[in-house]
């Protein structure tokens, strides 16, 4: 899944759940995309952080948040 596809998935999930904060939406995205994407997200996050091990689900959620916040650009 590309970062752009991930951002679209995040946006659609957020539209379906407007009352949730960003981390809760990222959690739903990770649950929706399935185990293969979760593993990929976690691996990318750990590589970005320069770590060899970490919690799978938490690392995947952190990757989703990192991508969303990076692609959103600087805040005003």
N, C-alpha and C. Protein backbone atom coordinates (compact mmCIF):
# COMPACT_ATOMS: atom_id res chain seq x y z
N UNK A 1 0.86 -1.17 0.00
CA UNK A 1 0.00 0.00 0.00
C UNK A 1 0.90 1.23 0.00
N UNK A 2 0.66 2.12 -0.94
CA UNK A 2 1.45 3.35 -0.99
C UNK A 2 0.98 4.32 0.10
N UNK A 3 1.80 5.34 0.34
CA UNK A 3 1.42 6.35 1.33
C UNK A 3 0.15 7.07 0.90
N UNK A 4 0.00 7.31 -0.39
CA UNK A 4 -1.20 7.98 -0.89
C UNK A 4 -2.45 7.13 -0.67
N UNK A 5 -2.33 5.82 -0.93
CA UNK A 5 -3.45 4.91 -0.69
C UNK A 5 -3.79 4.86 0.80
N UNK A 6 -2.75 4.87 1.62
CA UNK A 6 -2.96 4.87 3.06
C UNK A 6 -3.68 6.13 3.51
N UNK A 7 -3.30 7.26 2.95
CA UNK A 7 -3.95 8.52 3.31
C UNK A 7 -5.42 8.51 2.90
N UNK A 8 -5.72 7.95 1.76
CA UNK A 8 -7.12 7.84 1.31
C UNK A 8 -7.90 6.93 2.26
N UNK A 9 -7.31 5.79 2.62
CA UNK A 9 -7.96 4.87 3.57
C UNK A 9 -8.22 5.57 4.90
N UNK A 10 -7.25 6.35 5.36
CA UNK A 10 -7.39 7.08 6.61
C UNK A 10 -8.53 8.10 6.50
N UNK A 11 -8.56 8.84 5.39
CA UNK A 11 -9.59 9.87 5.21
C UNK A 11 -10.98 9.25 5.18
N UNK A 12 -11.12 8.13 4.47
CA UNK A 12 -12.43 7.48 4.41
C UNK A 12 -12.86 6.95 5.78
N UNK A 13 -11.91 6.41 6.51
CA UNK A 13 -12.22 5.90 7.86
C UNK A 13 -12.60 7.05 8.78
N UNK A 14 -11.91 8.17 8.64
CA UNK A 14 -12.23 9.33 9.48
C UNK A 14 -13.60 9.88 9.15
N UNK A 15 -13.97 9.86 7.88
CA UNK A 15 -15.31 10.32 7.49
C UNK A 15 -16.39 9.43 8.10
N UNK A 16 -16.11 8.14 8.19
CA UNK A 16 -17.07 7.21 8.79
C UNK A 16 -17.14 7.33 10.31
N UNK A 17 -16.09 7.89 10.92
CA UNK A 17 -15.99 7.98 12.38
C UNK A 17 -15.53 9.38 12.78
N UNK A 18 -16.35 10.41 12.57
CA UNK A 18 -15.90 11.79 12.78
C UNK A 18 -15.57 12.15 14.22
N UNK A 19 -16.07 11.42 15.19
CA UNK A 19 -15.84 11.77 16.58
C UNK A 19 -14.55 11.23 17.17
N UNK A 20 -13.81 10.45 16.40
CA UNK A 20 -12.58 9.83 16.92
C UNK A 20 -11.38 10.73 16.70
N UNK A 21 -10.39 10.61 17.60
CA UNK A 21 -9.15 11.36 17.40
C UNK A 21 -8.27 10.61 16.39
N UNK A 22 -7.16 11.22 16.01
CA UNK A 22 -6.31 10.66 14.95
C UNK A 22 -5.78 9.27 15.28
N UNK A 23 -5.37 9.05 16.52
CA UNK A 23 -4.83 7.74 16.89
C UNK A 23 -5.91 6.66 16.83
N UNK A 24 -7.11 7.00 17.23
CA UNK A 24 -8.21 6.03 17.16
C UNK A 24 -8.55 5.69 15.71
N UNK A 25 -8.50 6.68 14.84
CA UNK A 25 -8.75 6.42 13.42
C UNK A 25 -7.64 5.55 12.86
N UNK A 26 -6.39 5.84 13.21
CA UNK A 26 -5.26 5.03 12.75
C UNK A 26 -5.41 3.58 13.23
N UNK A 27 -5.89 3.39 14.43
CA UNK A 27 -6.12 2.04 14.96
C UNK A 27 -7.16 1.31 14.11
N UNK A 28 -8.24 2.00 13.76
CA UNK A 28 -9.26 1.38 12.90
C UNK A 28 -8.70 1.03 11.52
N UNK A 29 -7.87 1.91 10.98
CA UNK A 29 -7.26 1.65 9.67
C UNK A 29 -6.42 0.38 9.72
N UNK A 30 -5.59 0.26 10.74
CA UNK A 30 -4.73 -0.92 10.86
C UNK A 30 -5.58 -2.18 10.99
N UNK A 31 -6.65 -2.12 11.74
CA UNK A 31 -7.53 -3.29 11.87
C UNK A 31 -8.19 -3.64 10.55
N UNK A 32 -8.56 -2.62 9.77
CA UNK A 32 -9.27 -2.85 8.51
C UNK A 32 -8.38 -3.41 7.41
N UNK A 33 -7.12 -3.01 7.36
CA UNK A 33 -6.27 -3.40 6.23
C UNK A 33 -5.76 -4.83 6.32
N UNK A 34 -5.84 -5.43 7.49
CA UNK A 34 -5.46 -6.84 7.62
C UNK A 34 -4.02 -7.06 8.02
N UNK A 35 -3.70 -8.33 8.30
CA UNK A 35 -2.40 -8.67 8.87
C UNK A 35 -1.21 -8.42 7.94
N UNK A 36 -1.38 -8.60 6.63
CA UNK A 36 -0.24 -8.38 5.73
C UNK A 36 0.19 -6.92 5.72
N UNK A 37 -0.78 -6.03 5.62
CA UNK A 37 -0.45 -4.60 5.63
C UNK A 37 0.02 -4.17 7.01
N UNK A 38 -0.56 -4.74 8.06
CA UNK A 38 -0.13 -4.40 9.41
C UNK A 38 1.34 -4.72 9.59
N UNK A 39 1.76 -5.88 9.13
CA UNK A 39 3.16 -6.28 9.23
C UNK A 39 4.05 -5.34 8.43
N UNK A 40 3.62 -4.96 7.23
CA UNK A 40 4.37 -4.03 6.40
C UNK A 40 4.50 -2.67 7.08
N UNK A 41 3.40 -2.16 7.64
CA UNK A 41 3.42 -0.87 8.33
C UNK A 41 4.38 -0.91 9.52
N UNK A 42 4.30 -1.98 10.30
CA UNK A 42 5.16 -2.10 11.47
C UNK A 42 6.63 -2.16 11.05
N UNK A 43 6.93 -2.92 10.01
CA UNK A 43 8.31 -3.03 9.54
C UNK A 43 8.83 -1.68 9.07
N UNK A 44 8.01 -0.95 8.33
CA UNK A 44 8.44 0.38 7.86
C UNK A 44 8.66 1.34 9.02
N UNK A 45 7.79 1.26 10.02
CA UNK A 45 7.93 2.14 11.17
C UNK A 45 9.20 1.83 11.95
N UNK A 46 9.46 0.56 12.19
CA UNK A 46 10.66 0.18 12.93
C UNK A 46 11.91 0.55 12.14
N UNK A 47 11.88 0.41 10.82
CA UNK A 47 13.03 0.81 10.00
C UNK A 47 13.26 2.31 10.10
N UNK A 48 12.18 3.07 10.07
CA UNK A 48 12.27 4.53 10.19
C UNK A 48 12.88 4.94 11.53
N UNK A 49 12.51 4.22 12.56
CA UNK A 49 13.01 4.52 13.91
C UNK A 49 14.36 3.89 14.19
N UNK A 50 14.84 3.03 13.30
CA UNK A 50 16.13 2.38 13.48
C UNK A 50 16.11 1.33 14.57
N UNK A 51 14.97 0.67 14.74
CA UNK A 51 14.83 -0.35 15.77
C UNK A 51 14.66 -1.71 15.13
N UNK A 52 15.06 -2.73 15.85
CA UNK A 52 14.95 -4.08 15.33
C UNK A 52 13.69 -4.79 15.79
N UNK A 53 13.15 -4.38 16.94
CA UNK A 53 11.96 -5.04 17.47
C UNK A 53 10.99 -4.02 18.03
N UNK A 54 9.73 -4.43 18.05
CA UNK A 54 8.71 -3.59 18.63
C UNK A 54 7.38 -4.30 18.55
N UNK A 55 6.40 -3.76 19.23
CA UNK A 55 5.06 -4.34 19.21
C UNK A 55 4.45 -4.16 17.83
N UNK A 56 3.96 -5.22 17.26
CA UNK A 56 3.46 -5.22 15.88
C UNK A 56 2.33 -4.21 15.68
N UNK A 57 1.27 -4.35 16.45
CA UNK A 57 0.10 -3.49 16.25
C UNK A 57 0.43 -2.03 16.53
N UNK A 58 1.09 -1.76 17.65
CA UNK A 58 1.44 -0.39 18.01
C UNK A 58 2.35 0.27 16.99
N UNK A 59 3.30 -0.48 16.47
CA UNK A 59 4.20 0.05 15.45
C UNK A 59 3.46 0.36 14.16
N UNK A 60 2.50 -0.49 13.81
CA UNK A 60 1.70 -0.26 12.60
C UNK A 60 0.86 1.00 12.75
N UNK A 61 0.25 1.18 13.91
CA UNK A 61 -0.56 2.38 14.16
C UNK A 61 0.32 3.62 14.10
N UNK A 62 1.51 3.55 14.69
CA UNK A 62 2.44 4.68 14.67
C UNK A 62 2.83 5.03 13.23
N UNK A 63 3.02 4.02 12.39
CA UNK A 63 3.36 4.29 10.99
C UNK A 63 2.23 5.02 10.30
N UNK A 64 1.00 4.59 10.51
CA UNK A 64 -0.15 5.26 9.90
C UNK A 64 -0.18 6.72 10.33
N UNK A 65 -0.02 6.97 11.60
CA UNK A 65 -0.02 8.36 12.09
C UNK A 65 1.12 9.16 11.49
N UNK A 66 2.31 8.57 11.41
CA UNK A 66 3.47 9.27 10.85
C UNK A 66 3.20 9.66 9.39
N UNK A 67 2.65 8.75 8.60
CA UNK A 67 2.36 9.04 7.20
C UNK A 67 1.31 10.14 7.09
N UNK A 68 0.24 10.03 7.87
CA UNK A 68 -0.84 11.02 7.80
C UNK A 68 -0.32 12.39 8.19
N UNK A 69 0.41 12.48 9.26
CA UNK A 69 0.90 13.78 9.71
C UNK A 69 1.96 14.35 8.77
N UNK A 70 2.77 13.51 8.17
CA UNK A 70 3.77 13.97 7.22
C UNK A 70 3.11 14.49 5.95
N UNK A 71 2.15 13.77 5.43
CA UNK A 71 1.49 14.19 4.19
C UNK A 71 0.55 15.37 4.38
N UNK A 72 0.10 15.59 5.60
CA UNK A 72 -0.75 16.75 5.87
C UNK A 72 0.03 18.05 5.74
N UNK A 73 1.33 17.96 5.98
CA UNK A 73 2.18 19.14 5.90
C UNK A 73 2.23 19.89 7.21
N UNK A 74 2.92 21.01 7.21
CA UNK A 74 3.06 21.78 8.45
C UNK A 74 1.73 22.39 8.89
N UNK A 75 1.56 22.46 10.20
CA UNK A 75 0.33 23.08 10.72
C UNK A 75 0.48 24.59 10.74
N UNK A 76 -0.62 25.26 10.64
CA UNK A 76 -0.60 26.74 10.62
C UNK A 76 -0.53 27.31 12.00
